[in-house]
Amino acid sequence: MAANVNAREDQQLIYMGQFDARIRAYVRSLITPELIEEHRLKPLGQHSDQLDRVLNYFRRPPKFGLYSQNTFEYQIIALPVTPGAGPEPLDEQIFTEKNQAIHAVFLKHVHELQEGSE
C-alpha cells in the first residue's frame, strides 16, 4: 500500500512539472514589448486579457516583491522571506515612486521567466 502512495506522489510531481513547463511556455509567448509597455504605463488597475494572464502567473507564488521601511522608498526583495529574518534586498536600487517599483518587480519576473529553466 505504501508503495502505491509513493508511486502516486511521484506521478503527481512529474505531472506538476510538465504542467508548469506548459504554462511557462504559454505565458512566455504572451510577453511582447507592447505588453511590457502596457504594464509600465499602468502597473495597477484594469489590464488587457494578456497582461492579466501574465500577472496571474507571476502571483502564484511570486519570487520577487517590494519592501518599504517607510512610505516613500521601495526595494525589490526575493520571496519567500525566511520566518524570523528580515527581508534581503536584491540590490541597492531604491525606488521613490511606487508604480516604478511595481514595474521593476514585473520586469524581474519577466526576466526570470525568459531566462529561467523550463
PDB file of N, CA and C in Angstrom:
ATOM      1  N   MET A   1       0.824  -1.202   0.000  1.00  0.00           N
ATOM      2  CA  MET A   1       0.000   0.000   0.000  1.00  0.00           C
ATOM      3  C   MET A   1       0.864   1.259   0.000  1.00  0.00           C
ATOM      4  N   ALA A   2       1.910   1.294   0.845  1.00  0.00           N
ATOM      5  CA  ALA A   2       2.781   2.463   0.914  1.00  0.00           C
ATOM      6  C   ALA A   2       3.475   2.702  -0.418  1.00  0.00           C
ATOM      7  N   ALA A   3       3.817   1.645  -1.140  1.00  0.00           N
ATOM      8  CA  ALA A   3       4.467   1.790  -2.448  1.00  0.00           C
ATOM      9  C   ALA A   3       3.527   2.470  -3.438  1.00  0.00           C
ATOM     10  N   ASN A   4       2.222   2.139  -3.365  1.00  0.00           N
ATOM     11  CA  ASN A   4       1.245   2.779  -4.249  1.00  0.00           C
ATOM     12  C   ASN A   4       1.131   4.268  -3.968  1.00  0.00           C
ATOM     13  N   VAL A   5       1.139   4.636  -2.691  1.00  0.00           N
ATOM     14  CA  VAL A   5       1.048   6.047  -2.311  1.00  0.00           C
ATOM     15  C   VAL A   5       2.257   6.798  -2.844  1.00  0.00           C
ATOM     16  N   ASN A   6       3.450   6.243  -2.661  1.00  0.00           N
ATOM     17  CA  ASN A   6       4.664   6.887  -3.155  1.00  0.00           C
ATOM     18  C   ASN A   6       4.661   6.996  -4.667  1.00  0.00           C
ATOM     19  N   ALA A   7       4.200   5.960  -5.347  1.00  0.00           N
ATOM     20  CA  ALA A   7       4.143   5.984  -6.810  1.00  0.00           C
ATOM     21  C   ALA A   7       3.192   7.081  -7.277  1.00  0.00           C
ATOM     22  N   ARG A   8       2.040   7.240  -6.607  1.00  0.00           N
ATOM     23  CA  ARG A   8       1.093   8.294  -6.967  1.00  0.00           C
ATOM     24  C   ARG A   8       1.698   9.667  -6.737  1.00  0.00           C
ATOM     25  N   GLU A   9       2.387   9.844  -5.603  1.00  0.00           N
ATOM     26  CA  GLU A   9       3.022  11.127  -5.312  1.00  0.00           C
ATOM     27  C   GLU A   9       4.080  11.445  -6.352  1.00  0.00           C
ATOM     28  N   ASP A  10       4.859  10.434  -6.751  1.00  0.00           N
ATOM     29  CA  ASP A  10       5.874  10.640  -7.785  1.00  0.00           C
ATOM     30  C   ASP A  10       5.218  11.052  -9.101  1.00  0.00           C
ATOM     31  N   GLN A  11       4.136  10.389  -9.472  1.00  0.00           N
ATOM     32  CA  GLN A  11       3.422  10.732 -10.696  1.00  0.00           C
ATOM     33  C   GLN A  11       2.876  12.151 -10.630  1.00  0.00           C
ATOM     34  N   GLN A  12       2.393  12.539  -9.467  1.00  0.00           N
ATOM     35  CA  GLN A  12       1.856  13.885  -9.302  1.00  0.00           C
ATOM     36  C   GLN A  12       2.962  14.925  -9.485  1.00  0.00           C
ATOM     37  N   LEU A  13       4.145  14.674  -8.925  1.00  0.00           N
ATOM     38  CA  LEU A  13       5.259  15.603  -9.092  1.00  0.00           C
ATOM     39  C   LEU A  13       5.678  15.701 -10.557  1.00  0.00           C
ATOM     40  N   ILE A  14       5.698  14.580 -11.244  1.00  0.00           N
ATOM     41  CA  ILE A  14       6.046  14.579 -12.664  1.00  0.00           C
ATOM     42  C   ILE A  14       5.014  15.390 -13.449  1.00  0.00           C
ATOM     43  N   TYR A  15       3.739  15.136 -13.190  1.00  0.00           N
ATOM     44  CA  TYR A  15       2.690  15.862 -13.897  1.00  0.00           C
ATOM     45  C   TYR A  15       2.754  17.353 -13.604  1.00  0.00           C
ATOM     46  N   MET A  16       2.951  17.723 -12.346  1.00  0.00           N
ATOM     47  CA  MET A  16       3.017  19.146 -11.989  1.00  0.00           C
ATOM     48  C   MET A  16       4.192  19.825 -12.695  1.00  0.00           C
ATOM     49  N   GLY A  17       5.310  19.145 -12.814  1.00  0.00           N
ATOM     50  CA  GLY A  17       6.444  19.695 -13.546  1.00  0.00           C
ATOM     51  C   GLY A  17       6.128  19.906 -15.009  1.00  0.00           C
ATOM     52  N   GLN A  18       5.446  18.933 -15.618  1.00  0.00           N
ATOM     53  CA  GLN A  18       5.050  19.057 -17.026  1.00  0.00           C
ATOM     54  C   GLN A  18       4.028  20.175 -17.209  1.00  0.00           C
ATOM     55  N   PHE A  19       3.066  20.249 -16.303  1.00  0.00           N
ATOM     56  CA  PHE A  19       2.043  21.290 -16.366  1.00  0.00           C
ATOM     57  C   PHE A  19       2.681  22.674 -16.242  1.00  0.00           C
ATOM     58  N   ASP A  20       3.586  22.825 -15.274  1.00  0.00           N
ATOM     59  CA  ASP A  20       4.237  24.111 -15.083  1.00  0.00           C
ATOM     60  C   ASP A  20       5.060  24.498 -16.313  1.00  0.00           C
ATOM     61  N   ALA A  21       5.741  23.544 -16.926  1.00  0.00           N
ATOM     62  CA  ALA A  21       6.527  23.831 -18.134  1.00  0.00           C
ATOM     63  C   ALA A  21       5.620  24.323 -19.261  1.00  0.00           C
ATOM     64  N   ARG A  22       4.444  23.708 -19.417  1.00  0.00           N
ATOM     65  CA  ARG A  22       3.492  24.147 -20.464  1.00  0.00           C
ATOM     66  C   ARG A  22       2.972  25.553 -20.163  1.00  0.00           C
ATOM     67  N   ILE A  23       2.647  25.817 -18.900  1.00  0.00           N
ATOM     68  CA  ILE A  23       2.147  27.143 -18.525  1.00  0.00           C
ATOM     69  C   ILE A  23       3.238  28.195 -18.740  1.00  0.00           C
ATOM     70  N   ARG A  24       4.462  27.894 -18.333  1.00  0.00           N
ATOM     71  CA  ARG A  24       5.571  28.837 -18.523  1.00  0.00           C
ATOM     72  C   ARG A  24       5.754  29.154 -20.005  1.00  0.00           C
ATOM     73  N   ALA A  25       5.699  28.148 -20.851  1.00  0.00           N
ATOM     74  CA  ALA A  25       5.858  28.373 -22.295  1.00  0.00           C
ATOM     75  C   ALA A  25       4.722  29.244 -22.828  1.00  0.00           C
ATOM     76  N   TYR A  26       3.499  28.987 -22.372  1.00  0.00           N
ATOM     77  CA  TYR A  26       2.357  29.784 -22.814  1.00  0.00           C
ATOM     78  C   TYR A  26       2.500  31.236 -22.361  1.00  0.00           C
ATOM     79  N   VAL A  27       2.815  31.435 -21.094  1.00  0.00           N
ATOM     80  CA  VAL A  27       2.956  32.799 -20.564  1.00  0.00           C
ATOM     81  C   VAL A  27       4.112  33.509 -21.270  1.00  0.00           C
ATOM     82  N   ARG A  28       5.197  32.803 -21.505  1.00  0.00           N
ATOM     83  CA  ARG A  28       6.337  33.385 -22.210  1.00  0.00           C
ATOM     84  C   ARG A  28       5.900  33.878 -23.600  1.00  0.00           C
ATOM     85  N   SER A  29       5.011  33.144 -24.252  1.00  0.00           N
ATOM     86  CA  SER A  29       4.551  33.542 -25.590  1.00  0.00           C
ATOM     87  C   SER A  29       3.694  34.811 -25.554  1.00  0.00           C
ATOM     88  N   LEU A  30       3.127  35.134 -24.403  1.00  0.00           N
ATOM     89  CA  LEU A  30       2.284  36.325 -24.284  1.00  0.00           C
ATOM     90  C   LEU A  30       3.099  37.604 -24.102  1.00  0.00           C
ATOM     91  N   ILE A  31       4.349  37.469 -23.677  1.00  0.00           N
ATOM     92  CA  ILE A  31       5.154  38.640 -23.344  1.00  0.00           C
ATOM     93  C   ILE A  31       5.727  39.255 -24.613  1.00  0.00           C
ATOM     94  N   THR A  32       5.342  40.490 -24.850  1.00  0.00           N
ATOM     95  CA  THR A  32       5.797  41.257 -26.006  1.00  0.00           C
ATOM     96  C   THR A  32       6.245  42.628 -25.515  1.00  0.00           C
ATOM     97  N   PRO A  33       6.975  43.367 -26.338  1.00  0.00           N
ATOM     98  CA  PRO A  33       7.322  44.736 -25.947  1.00  0.00           C
ATOM     99  C   PRO A  33       6.074  45.590 -25.668  1.00  0.00           C
ATOM    100  N   GLU A  34       5.010  45.356 -26.411  1.00  0.00           N
ATOM    101  CA  GLU A  34       3.767  46.110 -26.187  1.00  0.00           C
ATOM    102  C   GLU A  34       3.153  45.789 -24.824  1.00  0.00           C
ATOM    103  N   LEU A  35       3.210  44.523 -24.437  1.00  0.00           N
ATOM    104  CA  LEU A  35       2.668  44.125 -23.139  1.00  0.00           C
ATOM    105  C   LEU A  35       3.486  44.754 -22.009  1.00  0.00           C
ATOM    106  N   ILE A  36       4.803  44.758 -22.150  1.00  0.00           N
ATOM    107  CA  ILE A  36       5.659  45.373 -21.136  1.00  0.00           C
ATOM    108  C   ILE A  36       5.387  46.870 -21.047  1.00  0.00           C
ATOM    109  N   GLU A  37       5.189  47.518 -22.181  1.00  0.00           N
ATOM    110  CA  GLU A  37       4.873  48.952 -22.188  1.00  0.00           C
ATOM    111  C   GLU A  37       3.510  49.208 -21.546  1.00  0.00           C
ATOM    112  N   GLU A  38       2.535  48.340 -21.823  1.00  0.00           N
ATOM    113  CA  GLU A  38       1.223  48.481 -21.187  1.00  0.00           C
ATOM    114  C   GLU A  38       1.373  48.460 -19.671  1.00  0.00           C
ATOM    115  N   HIS A  39       2.176  47.539 -19.157  1.00  0.00           N
ATOM    116  CA  HIS A  39       2.363  47.454 -17.710  1.00  0.00           C
ATOM    117  C   HIS A  39       3.110  48.675 -17.178  1.00  0.00           C
ATOM    118  N   ARG A  40       4.111  49.146 -17.925  1.00  0.00           N
ATOM    119  CA  ARG A  40       4.864  50.317 -17.470  1.00  0.00           C
ATOM    120  C   ARG A  40       3.953  51.532 -17.337  1.00  0.00           C
ATOM    121  N   LEU A  41       3.045  51.690 -18.298  1.00  0.00           N
ATOM    122  CA  LEU A  41       2.146  52.847 -18.283  1.00  0.00           C
ATOM    123  C   LEU A  41       1.088  52.753 -17.192  1.00  0.00           C
ATOM    124  N   LYS A  42       0.684  51.523 -16.870  1.00  0.00           N
ATOM    125  CA  LYS A  42      -0.391  51.349 -15.883  1.00  0.00           C
ATOM    126  C   LYS A  42      -0.169  50.041 -15.117  1.00  0.00           C
ATOM    127  N   PRO A  43       0.732  50.063 -14.106  1.00  0.00           N
ATOM    128  CA  PRO A  43       1.016  48.819 -13.385  1.00  0.00           C
ATOM    129  C   PRO A  43      -0.127  48.353 -12.483  1.00  0.00           C
ATOM    130  N   LEU A  44      -1.018  49.250 -12.106  1.00  0.00           N
ATOM    131  CA  LEU A  44      -2.161  48.891 -11.267  1.00  0.00           C
ATOM    132  C   LEU A  44      -3.449  49.156 -12.024  1.00  0.00           C
ATOM    133  N   GLY A  45      -4.489  48.446 -11.664  1.00  0.00           N
ATOM    134  CA  GLY A  45      -5.797  48.679 -12.271  1.00  0.00           C
ATOM    135  C   GLY A  45      -6.148  47.622 -13.298  1.00  0.00           C
ATOM    136  N   GLN A  46      -7.096  47.966 -14.174  1.00  0.00           N
ATOM    137  CA  GLN A  46      -7.583  47.027 -15.179  1.00  0.00           C
ATOM    138  C   GLN A  46      -6.587  46.943 -16.335  1.00  0.00           C
ATOM    139  N   HIS A  47      -6.339  45.703 -16.810  1.00  0.00           N
ATOM    140  CA  HIS A  47      -5.386  45.462 -17.879  1.00  0.00           C
ATOM    141  C   HIS A  47      -6.042  44.655 -18.997  1.00  0.00           C
ATOM    142  N   SER A  48      -5.292  44.501 -20.074  1.00  0.00           N
ATOM    143  CA  SER A  48      -5.736  43.634 -21.158  1.00  0.00           C
ATOM    144  C   SER A  48      -5.774  42.193 -20.659  1.00  0.00           C
ATOM    145  N   ASP A  49      -6.470  41.342 -21.407  1.00  0.00           N
ATOM    146  CA  ASP A  49      -6.565  39.932 -21.039  1.00  0.00           C
ATOM    147  C   ASP A  49      -5.180  39.298 -20.975  1.00  0.00           C
ATOM    148  N   GLN A  50      -4.323  39.605 -21.952  1.00  0.00           N
ATOM    149  CA  GLN A  50      -2.974  39.023 -21.958  1.00  0.00           C
ATOM    150  C   GLN A  50      -2.180  39.430 -20.724  1.00  0.00           C
ATOM    151  N   LEU A  51      -2.196  40.715 -20.390  1.00  0.00           N
ATOM    152  CA  LEU A  51      -1.444  41.170 -19.226  1.00  0.00           C
ATOM    153  C   LEU A  51      -2.025  40.574 -17.944  1.00  0.00           C
ATOM    154  N   ASP A  52      -3.334  40.477 -17.857  1.00  0.00           N
ATOM    155  CA  ASP A  52      -3.939  39.835 -16.682  1.00  0.00           C
ATOM    156  C   ASP A  52      -3.452  38.400 -16.518  1.00  0.00           C
ATOM    157  N   ARG A  53      -3.359  37.667 -17.626  1.00  0.00           N
ATOM    158  CA  ARG A  53      -2.893  36.276 -17.562  1.00  0.00           C
ATOM    159  C   ARG A  53      -1.441  36.200 -17.074  1.00  0.00           C
ATOM    160  N   VAL A  54      -0.599  37.100 -17.588  1.00  0.00           N
ATOM    161  CA  VAL A  54       0.807  37.123 -17.171  1.00  0.00           C
ATOM    162  C   VAL A  54       0.911  37.480 -15.695  1.00  0.00           C
ATOM    163  N   LEU A  55       0.186  38.496 -15.259  1.00  0.00           N
ATOM    164  CA  LEU A  55       0.231  38.900 -13.847  1.00  0.00           C
ATOM    165  C   LEU A  55      -0.278  37.797 -12.935  1.00  0.00           C
ATOM    166  N   ASN A  56      -1.336  37.109 -13.341  1.00  0.00           N
ATOM    167  CA  ASN A  56      -1.841  35.997 -12.530  1.00  0.00           C
ATOM    168  C   ASN A  56      -0.788  34.905 -12.394  1.00  0.00           C
ATOM    169  N   TYR A  57      -0.047  34.628 -13.462  1.00  0.00           N
ATOM    170  CA  TYR A  57       1.011  33.623 -13.367  1.00  0.00           C
ATOM    171  C   TYR A  57       2.099  34.088 -12.395  1.00  0.00           C
ATOM    172  N   PHE A  58       2.480  35.346 -12.471  1.00  0.00           N
ATOM    173  CA  PHE A  58       3.539  35.860 -11.601  1.00  0.00           C
ATOM    174  C   PHE A  58       3.123  35.874 -10.133  1.00  0.00           C
ATOM    175  N   ARG A  59       1.849  35.836  -9.861  1.00  0.00           N
ATOM    176  CA  ARG A  59       1.368  35.869  -8.469  1.00  0.00           C
ATOM    177  C   ARG A  59       1.318  34.493  -7.829  1.00  0.00           C
ATOM    178  N   ARG A  60       1.610  33.419  -8.519  1.00  0.00           N
ATOM    179  CA  ARG A  60       1.454  32.080  -7.972  1.00  0.00           C
ATOM    180  C   ARG A  60       2.736  31.310  -7.849  1.00  0.00           C
ATOM    181  N   PRO A  61       3.344  31.147  -6.785  1.00  0.00           N
ATOM    182  CA  PRO A  61       3.659  32.164  -5.785  1.00  0.00           C
ATOM    183  C   PRO A  61       4.750  33.070  -6.334  1.00  0.00           C
ATOM    184  N   PRO A  62       4.758  34.315  -5.957  1.00  0.00           N
ATOM    185  CA  PRO A  62       5.744  35.247  -6.517  1.00  0.00           C
ATOM    186  C   PRO A  62       7.159  34.952  -6.029  1.00  0.00           C
ATOM    187  N   LYS A  63       8.133  35.317  -6.848  1.00  0.00           N
ATOM    188  CA  LYS A  63       9.535  35.132  -6.470  1.00  0.00           C
ATOM    189  C   LYS A  63      10.163  36.438  -6.028  1.00  0.00           C
ATOM    190  N   PHE A  64       9.520  37.547  -6.381  1.00  0.00           N
ATOM    191  CA  PHE A  64      10.042  38.864  -6.027  1.00  0.00           C
ATOM    192  C   PHE A  64       8.909  39.703  -5.467  1.00  0.00           C
ATOM    193  N   GLY A  65       9.232  40.628  -4.590  1.00  0.00           N
ATOM    194  CA  GLY A  65       8.229  41.511  -4.016  1.00  0.00           C
ATOM    195  C   GLY A  65       8.849  42.842  -3.665  1.00  0.00           C
ATOM    196  N   LEU A  66       8.038  43.720  -3.106  1.00  0.00           N
ATOM    197  CA  LEU A  66       8.509  45.031  -2.689  1.00  0.00           C
ATOM    198  C   LEU A  66       8.619  45.080  -1.182  1.00  0.00           C
ATOM    199  N   TYR A  67       9.581  45.858  -0.719  1.00  0.00           N
ATOM    200  CA  TYR A  67       9.763  46.082   0.711  1.00  0.00           C
ATOM    201  C   TYR A  67       9.952  47.566   0.915  1.00  0.00           C
ATOM    202  N   SER A  68       9.295  48.093   1.926  1.00  0.00           N
ATOM    203  CA  SER A  68       9.416  49.518   2.223  1.00  0.00           C
ATOM    204  C   SER A  68       9.542  49.705   3.725  1.00  0.00           C
ATOM    205  N   GLN A  69      10.611  50.404   4.137  1.00  0.00           N
ATOM    206  CA  GLN A  69      10.755  50.722   5.556  1.00  0.00           C
ATOM    207  C   GLN A  69       9.989  51.990   5.895  1.00  0.00           C
ATOM    208  N   ASN A  70       9.721  52.786   4.883  1.00  0.00           N
ATOM    209  CA  ASN A  70       8.884  53.968   5.065  1.00  0.00           C
ATOM    210  C   ASN A  70       7.964  54.059   3.852  1.00  0.00           C
ATOM    211  N   THR A  71       7.139  55.051   3.778  1.00  0.00           N
ATOM    212  CA  THR A  71       6.160  55.100   2.692  1.00  0.00           C
ATOM    213  C   THR A  71       6.690  55.736   1.428  1.00  0.00           C
ATOM    214  N   PHE A  72       7.971  56.101   1.385  1.00  0.00           N
ATOM    215  CA  PHE A  72       8.493  56.818   0.225  1.00  0.00           C
ATOM    216  C   PHE A  72       9.606  56.091  -0.523  1.00  0.00           C
ATOM    217  N   GLU A  73      10.091  54.979  -0.006  1.00  0.00           N
ATOM    218  CA  GLU A  73      11.178  54.255  -0.648  1.00  0.00           C
ATOM    219  C   GLU A  73      10.851  52.768  -0.700  1.00  0.00           C
ATOM    220  N   TYR A  74      11.121  52.169  -1.871  1.00  0.00           N
ATOM    221  CA  TYR A  74      10.831  50.752  -2.077  1.00  0.00           C
ATOM    222  C   TYR A  74      12.070  50.061  -2.619  1.00  0.00           C
ATOM    223  N   GLN A  75      12.264  48.803  -2.221  1.00  0.00           N
ATOM    224  CA  GLN A  75      13.324  47.963  -2.757  1.00  0.00           C
ATOM    225  C   GLN A  75      12.727  46.624  -3.138  1.00  0.00           C
ATOM    226  N   ILE A  76      13.345  45.975  -4.126  1.00  0.00           N
ATOM    227  CA  ILE A  76      12.896  44.655  -4.553  1.00  0.00           C
ATOM    228  C   ILE A  76      13.576  43.615  -3.665  1.00  0.00           C
ATOM    229  N   ILE A  77      12.780  42.671  -3.174  1.00  0.00           N
ATOM    230  CA  ILE A  77      13.310  41.586  -2.344  1.00  0.00           C
ATOM    231  C   ILE A  77      12.951  40.245  -2.980  1.00  0.00           C
ATOM    232  N   ALA A  78      13.707  39.225  -2.623  1.00  0.00           N
ATOM    233  CA  ALA A  78      13.403  37.866  -3.062  1.00  0.00           C
ATOM    234  C   ALA A  78      12.389  37.265  -2.092  1.00  0.00           C
ATOM    235  N   LEU A  79      11.465  36.505  -2.626  1.00  0.00           N
ATOM    236  CA  LEU A  79      10.469  35.814  -1.810  1.00  0.00           C
ATOM    237  C   LEU A  79      10.684  34.320  -1.951  1.00  0.00           C
ATOM    238  N   PRO A  80      10.321  33.513  -0.984  1.00  0.00           N
ATOM    239  CA  PRO A  80       9.769  33.893   0.305  1.00  0.00           C
ATOM    240  C   PRO A  80      10.859  34.364   1.261  1.00  0.00           C
ATOM    241  N   VAL A  81      10.442  35.120   2.240  1.00  0.00           N
ATOM    242  CA  VAL A  81      11.347  35.590   3.284  1.00  0.00           C
ATOM    243  C   VAL A  81      11.337  34.541   4.397  1.00  0.00           C
ATOM    244  N   THR A  82      12.503  34.175   4.879  1.00  0.00           N
ATOM    245  CA  THR A  82      12.609  33.192   5.949  1.00  0.00           C
ATOM    246  C   THR A  82      11.936  33.734   7.211  1.00  0.00           C
ATOM    247  N   PRO A  83      11.052  32.940   7.835  1.00  0.00           N
ATOM    248  CA  PRO A  83      10.406  33.410   9.058  1.00  0.00           C
ATOM    249  C   PRO A  83      11.434  33.831  10.111  1.00  0.00           C
ATOM    250  N   GLY A  84      11.205  34.979  10.700  1.00  0.00           N
ATOM    251  CA  GLY A  84      12.089  35.496  11.729  1.00  0.00           C
ATOM    252  C   GLY A  84      13.255  36.308  11.193  1.00  0.00           C
ATOM    253  N   ALA A  85      13.482  36.248   9.888  1.00  0.00           N
ATOM    254  CA  ALA A  85      14.582  37.010   9.279  1.00  0.00           C
ATOM    255  C   ALA A  85      14.005  38.221   8.562  1.00  0.00           C
ATOM    256  N   GLY A  86      14.787  39.259   8.486  1.00  0.00           N
ATOM    257  CA  GLY A  86      14.362  40.442   7.752  1.00  0.00           C
ATOM    258  C   GLY A  86      14.499  40.231   6.258  1.00  0.00           C
ATOM    259  N   PRO A  87      13.750  40.971   5.465  1.00  0.00           N
ATOM    260  CA  PRO A  87      13.862  40.840   4.006  1.00  0.00           C
ATOM    261  C   PRO A  87      15.230  41.315   3.529  1.00  0.00           C
ATOM    262  N   GLU A  88      15.744  40.646   2.509  1.00  0.00           N
ATOM    263  CA  GLU A  88      17.044  40.982   1.933  1.00  0.00           C
ATOM    264  C   GLU A  88      16.824  41.601   0.553  1.00  0.00           C
ATOM    265  N   PRO A  89      17.159  42.873   0.380  1.00  0.00           N
ATOM    266  CA  PRO A  89      17.024  43.486  -0.950  1.00  0.00           C
ATOM    267  C   PRO A  89      17.924  42.770  -1.965  1.00  0.00           C
ATOM    268  N   LEU A  90      17.454  42.668  -3.216  1.00  0.00           N
ATOM    269  CA  LEU A  90      18.241  42.037  -4.274  1.00  0.00           C
ATOM    270  C   LEU A  90      19.422  42.899  -4.681  1.00  0.00           C
ATOM    271  N   ASP A  91      19.259  44.215  -4.579  1.00  0.00           N
ATOM    272  CA  ASP A  91      20.338  45.136  -4.921  1.00  0.00           C
ATOM    273  C   ASP A  91      20.137  46.421  -4.129  1.00  0.00           C
ATOM    274  N   GLU A  92      20.931  47.412  -4.420  1.00  0.00           N
ATOM    275  CA  GLU A  92      20.861  48.676  -3.682  1.00  0.00           C
ATOM    276  C   GLU A  92      19.892  49.684  -4.288  1.00  0.00           C
ATOM    277  N   GLN A  93      19.256  49.330  -5.407  1.00  0.00           N
ATOM    278  CA  GLN A  93      18.371  50.275  -6.078  1.00  0.00           C
ATOM    279  C   GLN A  93      17.155  50.588  -5.206  1.00  0.00           C
ATOM    280  N   ILE A  94      16.891  51.881  -5.064  1.00  0.00           N
ATOM    281  CA  ILE A  94      15.746  52.353  -4.282  1.00  0.00           C
ATOM    282  C   ILE A  94      14.816  53.113  -5.210  1.00  0.00           C
ATOM    283  N   PHE A  95      13.535  52.782  -5.135  1.00  0.00           N
ATOM    284  CA  PHE A  95      12.521  53.453  -5.946  1.00  0.00           C
ATOM    285  C   PHE A  95      11.745  54.407  -5.051  1.00  0.00           C
ATOM    286  N   THR A  96      11.522  55.611  -5.532  1.00  0.00           N
ATOM    287  CA  THR A  96      10.761  56.585  -4.753  1.00  0.00           C
ATOM    288  C   THR A  96       9.331  56.703  -5.258  1.00  0.00           C
ATOM    289  N   GLU A  97       9.045  56.061  -6.375  1.00  0.00           N
ATOM    290  CA  GLU A  97       7.684  56.070  -6.920  1.00  0.00           C
ATOM    291  C   GLU A  97       7.180  54.628  -6.950  1.00  0.00           C
ATOM    292  N   LYS A  98       6.037  54.397  -6.331  1.00  0.00           N
ATOM    293  CA  LYS A  98       5.522  53.029  -6.179  1.00  0.00           C
ATOM    294  C   LYS A  98       5.265  52.358  -7.530  1.00  0.00           C
ATOM    295  N   ASN A  99       4.709  53.087  -8.501  1.00  0.00           N
ATOM    296  CA  ASN A  99       4.435  52.478  -9.800  1.00  0.00           C
ATOM    297  C   ASN A  99       5.715  52.020 -10.486  1.00  0.00           C
ATOM    298  N   GLN A 100       6.785  52.797 -10.362  1.00  0.00           N
ATOM    299  CA  GLN A 100       8.072  52.379 -10.934  1.00  0.00           C
ATOM    300  C   GLN A 100       8.578  51.123 -10.239  1.00  0.00           C
ATOM    301  N   ALA A 101       8.408  51.043  -8.935  1.00  0.00           N
ATOM    302  CA  ALA A 101       8.840  49.870  -8.174  1.00  0.00           C
ATOM    303  C   ALA A 101       8.033  48.639  -8.581  1.00  0.00           C
ATOM    304  N   ILE A 102       6.737  48.794  -8.742  1.00  0.00           N
ATOM    305  CA  ILE A 102       5.876  47.676  -9.160  1.00  0.00           C
ATOM    306  C   ILE A 102       6.297  47.196 -10.542  1.00  0.00           C
ATOM    307  N   HIS A 103       6.591  48.128 -11.444  1.00  0.00           N
ATOM    308  CA  HIS A 103       7.020  47.743 -12.793  1.00  0.00           C
ATOM    309  C   HIS A 103       8.386  47.055 -12.751  1.00  0.00           C
ATOM    310  N   ALA A 104       9.274  47.493 -11.874  1.00  0.00           N
ATOM    311  CA  ALA A 104      10.582  46.845 -11.748  1.00  0.00           C
ATOM    312  C   ALA A 104      10.425  45.395 -11.282  1.00  0.00           C
ATOM    313  N   VAL A 105       9.505  45.140 -10.370  1.00  0.00           N
ATOM    314  CA  VAL A 105       9.225  43.763  -9.933  1.00  0.00           C
ATOM    315  C   VAL A 105       8.693  42.953 -11.111  1.00  0.00           C
ATOM    316  N   PHE A 106       7.788  43.539 -11.890  1.00  0.00           N
ATOM    317  CA  PHE A 106       7.248  42.889 -13.088  1.00  0.00           C
ATOM    318  C   PHE A 106       8.390  42.498 -14.024  1.00  0.00           C
ATOM    319  N   LEU A 107       9.323  43.432 -14.266  1.00  0.00           N
ATOM    320  CA  LEU A 107      10.449  43.150 -15.160  1.00  0.00           C
ATOM    321  C   LEU A 107      11.343  42.044 -14.615  1.00  0.00           C
ATOM    322  N   LYS A 108      11.512  41.969 -13.299  1.00  0.00           N
ATOM    323  CA  LYS A 108      12.281  40.873 -12.686  1.00  0.00           C
ATOM    324  C   LYS A 108      11.616  39.532 -12.985  1.00  0.00           C
ATOM    325  N   HIS A 109      10.298  39.496 -12.849  1.00  0.00           N
ATOM    326  CA  HIS A 109       9.560  38.264 -13.148  1.00  0.00           C
ATOM    327  C   HIS A 109       9.686  37.904 -14.626  1.00  0.00           C
ATOM    328  N   VAL A 110       9.569  38.903 -15.515  1.00  0.00           N
ATOM    329  CA  VAL A 110       9.696  38.652 -16.954  1.00  0.00           C
ATOM    330  C   VAL A 110      11.082  38.081 -17.248  1.00  0.00           C
ATOM    331  N   HIS A 111      12.109  38.698 -16.697  1.00  0.00           N
ATOM    332  CA  HIS A 111      13.480  38.226 -16.934  1.00  0.00           C
ATOM    333  C   HIS A 111      13.640  36.789 -16.439  1.00  0.00           C
ATOM    334  N   GLU A 112      13.146  36.500 -15.247  1.00  0.00           N
ATOM    335  CA  GLU A 112      13.250  35.149 -14.687  1.00  0.00           C
ATOM    336  C   GLU A 112      12.503  34.151 -15.567  1.00  0.00           C
ATOM    337  N   LEU A 113      11.348  34.527 -16.084  1.00  0.00           N
ATOM    338  CA  LEU A 113      10.562  33.636 -16.929  1.00  0.00           C
ATOM    339  C   LEU A 113      11.290  33.358 -18.248  1.00  0.00           C
ATOM    340  N   GLN A 114      11.855  34.401 -18.845  1.00  0.00           N
ATOM    341  CA  GLN A 114      12.513  34.229 -20.138  1.00  0.00           C
ATOM    342  C   GLN A 114      13.877  33.571 -20.019  1.00  0.00           C
ATOM    343  N   GLU A 115      14.587  33.804 -18.937  1.00  0.00           N
ATOM    344  CA  GLU A 115      15.936  33.268 -18.775  1.00  0.00           C
ATOM    345  C   GLU A 115      15.976  32.008 -17.917  1.00  0.00           C
ATOM    346  N   GLY A 116      14.914  31.777 -17.146  1.00  0.00           N
ATOM    347  CA  GLY A 116      14.902  30.652 -16.218  1.00  0.00           C
ATOM    348  C   GLY A 116      14.757  29.326 -16.922  1.00  0.00           C
ATOM    349  N   SER A 117      14.951  28.281 -16.155  1.00  0.00           N
ATOM    350  CA  SER A 117      14.826  26.924 -16.706  1.00  0.00           C
ATOM    351  C   SER A 117      13.367  26.603 -16.946  1.00  0.00           C
ATOM    352  N   GLU A 118      13.152  25.659 -17.823  1.00  0.00           N
ATOM    353  CA  GLU A 118      11.790  25.218 -18.163  1.00  0.00           C
ATOM    354  C   GLU A 118      11.132  24.541 -16.997  1.00  0.00           C
TER     355      GLU A 118
END
